[in-house]
Every structure is written in structure tokens, then in C-alpha cells.
Amino acid sequence: MNEPTGNCGFATAIKAIEGKWKVDICELGTASRRFGRLRQSIPAISEKMLTQQLRELEADGLVNREVYPGSPTKVVYSLTESGAALNAGAEALCRWGE
């Protein structure tokens, strides 16, 4: 993830979760989930957008993507330790915003 100017931790955290669906994805908790289950959990998100948001979260080290061989290929997503920590911070911001 690119560090924002000034190395402000708050700005880094906000940059990591900017995007319409990233907070919704992270709020799904620490349980591992397949793509279809994630999509069902957020009905308003398109497959294309979910894929994009998951790729960005993975690139930022917030989501782990694990591929299991087989037919069909099984892909499972889960929050990393950093993702879980950021999720806790996002929950605090949500409570503050209520």
C-alpha cells in the first residue's frame, strides 16, 4: 500500500478502506468465506466490484486469498491479522458516527 504524504497512520487506515464496499467486506468477520458466500452477504455488490475490492484488500494485506486445487477450483477469502485489526478500528468509527 502506498503511504500517504506525512506518514499519518490515520490517513493510511482511511486509504486502505476507501471504496464503497471495503468496510462491508471487512465487517463480515474473521470467518473464511468463498466468493459466492461473500456475494450473498452483500446483495447490492456486483461480481466485478466484489472482485476488484477483494483484489485491492489483498494487495493492501488486509485479506488473504487461498486457492484450493480441484474441480471446480475453490477460493477462500479471510481477513489477515491486519484486516481484523482494521475492522476493529472501523467498528469504533461506526459507533462514533451513529
C-alpha atoms as a PDB file:
ATOM      1  CA  MET A   1       0.000   0.000   0.000  1.00  0.00           C
ATOM      2  CA  ASN A   2       1.350   3.450  -0.813  1.00  0.00           C
ATOM      3  CA  GLU A   3       1.919   5.585   2.236  1.00  0.00           C
ATOM      4  CA  PRO A   4       0.059   8.909   2.177  1.00  0.00           C
ATOM      5  CA  THR A   5       2.133  12.066   2.444  1.00  0.00           C
ATOM      6  CA  GLY A   6       3.301  12.688   6.003  1.00  0.00           C
ATOM      7  CA  ASN A   7       3.128   9.011   7.086  1.00  0.00           C
ATOM      8  CA  CYS A   8      -0.027   9.653   9.105  1.00  0.00           C
ATOM      9  CA  GLY A   9      -1.376   6.347  10.430  1.00  0.00           C
ATOM     10  CA  PHE A  10      -4.957   7.595  10.292  1.00  0.00           C
ATOM     11  CA  ALA A  11      -4.594   8.586   6.637  1.00  0.00           C
ATOM     12  CA  THR A  12      -3.099   5.166   5.857  1.00  0.00           C
ATOM     13  CA  ALA A  13      -6.056   3.420   7.512  1.00  0.00           C
ATOM     14  CA  ILE A  14      -8.620   5.565   5.692  1.00  0.00           C
ATOM     15  CA  LYS A  15      -6.857   4.971   2.357  1.00  0.00           C
ATOM     16  CA  ALA A  16      -6.985   1.206   2.981  1.00  0.00           C
ATOM     17  CA  ILE A  17     -10.770   1.200   3.456  1.00  0.00           C
ATOM     18  CA  GLU A  18     -11.737   3.846   0.930  1.00  0.00           C
ATOM     19  CA  GLY A  19     -14.121   2.414  -1.589  1.00  0.00           C
ATOM     20  CA  LYS A  20     -17.817   1.810  -1.370  1.00  0.00           C
ATOM     21  CA  TRP A  21     -17.678  -1.848  -0.299  1.00  0.00           C
ATOM     22  CA  LYS A  22     -14.412  -2.424   1.565  1.00  0.00           C
ATOM     23  CA  VAL A  23     -15.840  -1.757   5.021  1.00  0.00           C
ATOM     24  CA  ASP A  24     -18.804  -4.038   4.251  1.00  0.00           C
ATOM     25  CA  ILE A  25     -16.428  -6.812   3.191  1.00  0.00           C
ATOM     26  CA  CYS A  26     -14.232  -6.404   6.284  1.00  0.00           C
ATOM     27  CA  GLU A  27     -17.273  -6.289   8.582  1.00  0.00           C
ATOM     28  CA  LEU A  28     -18.123  -9.858   7.608  1.00  0.00           C
ATOM     29  CA  GLY A  29     -15.744 -11.005  10.320  1.00  0.00           C
ATOM     30  CA  THR A  30     -12.835 -13.339  10.645  1.00  0.00           C
ATOM     31  CA  ALA A  31     -14.528 -16.466   9.267  1.00  0.00           C
ATOM     32  CA  SER A  32     -13.212 -17.742   5.932  1.00  0.00           C
ATOM     33  CA  ARG A  33     -15.681 -17.341   3.076  1.00  0.00           C
ATOM     34  CA  ARG A  34     -15.917 -18.317  -0.530  1.00  0.00           C
ATOM     35  CA  PHE A  35     -16.646 -15.714  -3.207  1.00  0.00           C
ATOM     36  CA  GLY A  36     -20.284 -16.772  -3.617  1.00  0.00           C
ATOM     37  CA  ARG A  37     -20.951 -16.517   0.116  1.00  0.00           C
ATOM     38  CA  LEU A  38     -19.394 -13.036   0.206  1.00  0.00           C
ATOM     39  CA  ARG A  39     -21.582 -12.013  -2.722  1.00  0.00           C
ATOM     40  CA  GLN A  40     -24.707 -13.328  -0.956  1.00  0.00           C
ATOM     41  CA  SER A  41     -23.779 -11.389   2.176  1.00  0.00           C
ATOM     42  CA  ILE A  42     -23.654  -8.110   0.233  1.00  0.00           C
ATOM     43  CA  PRO A  43     -26.519  -8.411  -2.288  1.00  0.00           C
ATOM     44  CA  ALA A  44     -26.094  -4.935  -3.805  1.00  0.00           C
ATOM     45  CA  ILE A  45     -22.488  -5.518  -4.929  1.00  0.00           C
ATOM     46  CA  SER A  46     -21.751  -6.742  -8.454  1.00  0.00           C
ATOM     47  CA  GLU A  47     -19.353  -9.624  -9.102  1.00  0.00           C
ATOM     48  CA  LYS A  48     -16.971  -7.261 -10.895  1.00  0.00           C
ATOM     49  CA  MET A  49     -16.913  -4.798  -7.996  1.00  0.00           C
ATOM     50  CA  LEU A  50     -16.512  -7.534  -5.371  1.00  0.00           C
ATOM     51  CA  THR A  51     -13.575  -8.956  -7.334  1.00  0.00           C
ATOM     52  CA  GLN A  52     -11.975  -5.506  -7.606  1.00  0.00           C
ATOM     53  CA  GLN A  53     -12.438  -4.698  -3.927  1.00  0.00           C
ATOM     54  CA  LEU A  54     -11.094  -8.108  -2.829  1.00  0.00           C
ATOM     55  CA  ARG A  55      -8.018  -7.667  -5.052  1.00  0.00           C
ATOM     56  CA  GLU A  56      -7.325  -4.241  -3.551  1.00  0.00           C
ATOM     57  CA  LEU A  57      -7.803  -5.536   0.002  1.00  0.00           C
ATOM     58  CA  GLU A  58      -5.486  -8.450  -0.768  1.00  0.00           C
ATOM     59  CA  ALA A  59      -2.852  -6.119  -2.271  1.00  0.00           C
ATOM     60  CA  ASP A  60      -3.029  -3.991   0.887  1.00  0.00           C
ATOM     61  CA  GLY A  61      -2.505  -7.055   3.082  1.00  0.00           C
ATOM     62  CA  LEU A  62      -5.970  -6.936   4.648  1.00  0.00           C
ATOM     63  CA  VAL A  63      -7.481 -10.021   3.014  1.00  0.00           C
ATOM     64  CA  ASN A  64      -5.927 -13.418   2.440  1.00  0.00           C
ATOM     65  CA  ARG A  65      -6.888 -15.340  -0.715  1.00  0.00           C
ATOM     66  CA  GLU A  66      -6.316 -19.072  -0.567  1.00  0.00           C
ATOM     67  CA  VAL A  67      -6.777 -21.279  -3.630  1.00  0.00           C
ATOM     68  CA  TYR A  68      -7.515 -24.984  -3.211  1.00  0.00           C
ATOM     69  CA  PRO A  69      -6.948 -27.226  -6.242  1.00  0.00           C
ATOM     70  CA  GLY A  70      -9.733 -29.342  -7.586  1.00  0.00           C
ATOM     71  CA  SER A  71     -12.605 -29.151  -9.958  1.00  0.00           C
ATOM     72  CA  PRO A  72     -14.024 -26.634  -9.585  1.00  0.00           C
ATOM     73  CA  THR A  73     -11.220 -24.625  -8.034  1.00  0.00           C
ATOM     74  CA  LYS A  74     -12.107 -23.493  -4.523  1.00  0.00           C
ATOM     75  CA  VAL A  75     -11.054 -19.972  -3.482  1.00  0.00           C
ATOM     76  CA  VAL A  76     -11.468 -18.879   0.132  1.00  0.00           C
ATOM     77  CA  TYR A  77     -11.069 -15.355   1.492  1.00  0.00           C
ATOM     78  CA  SER A  78     -10.350 -14.376   5.081  1.00  0.00           C
ATOM     79  CA  LEU A  79      -9.173 -11.309   6.944  1.00  0.00           C
ATOM     80  CA  THR A  80      -5.498 -11.167   7.779  1.00  0.00           C
ATOM     81  CA  GLU A  81      -4.376 -10.092  11.236  1.00  0.00           C
ATOM     82  CA  SER A  82      -4.051  -6.542   9.882  1.00  0.00           C
ATOM     83  CA  GLY A  83      -7.523  -6.757   8.359  1.00  0.00           C
ATOM     84  CA  ALA A  84      -9.033  -7.882  11.654  1.00  0.00           C
ATOM     85  CA  ALA A  85      -7.271  -5.038  13.479  1.00  0.00           C
ATOM     86  CA  LEU A  86      -8.509  -2.515  10.924  1.00  0.00           C
ATOM     87  CA  ASN A  87     -12.005  -3.976  11.235  1.00  0.00           C
ATOM     88  CA  ALA A  88     -11.947  -3.279  14.981  1.00  0.00           C
ATOM     89  CA  GLY A  89     -10.988   0.329  14.259  1.00  0.00           C
ATOM     90  CA  ALA A  90     -13.726   0.655  11.643  1.00  0.00           C
ATOM     91  CA  GLU A  91     -16.276  -0.634  14.164  1.00  0.00           C
ATOM     92  CA  ALA A  92     -15.196   2.111  16.571  1.00  0.00           C
ATOM     93  CA  LEU A  93     -15.635   4.718  13.821  1.00  0.00           C
ATOM     94  CA  CYS A  94     -19.094   3.308  13.030  1.00  0.00           C
ATOM     95  CA  ARG A  95     -20.133   3.626  16.677  1.00  0.00           C
ATOM     96  CA  TRP A  96     -18.809   7.189  16.721  1.00  0.00           C
ATOM     97  CA  GLY A  97     -20.796   8.007  13.575  1.00  0.00           C
ATOM     98  CA  GLU A  98     -24.111   6.789  14.971  1.00  0.00           C
END
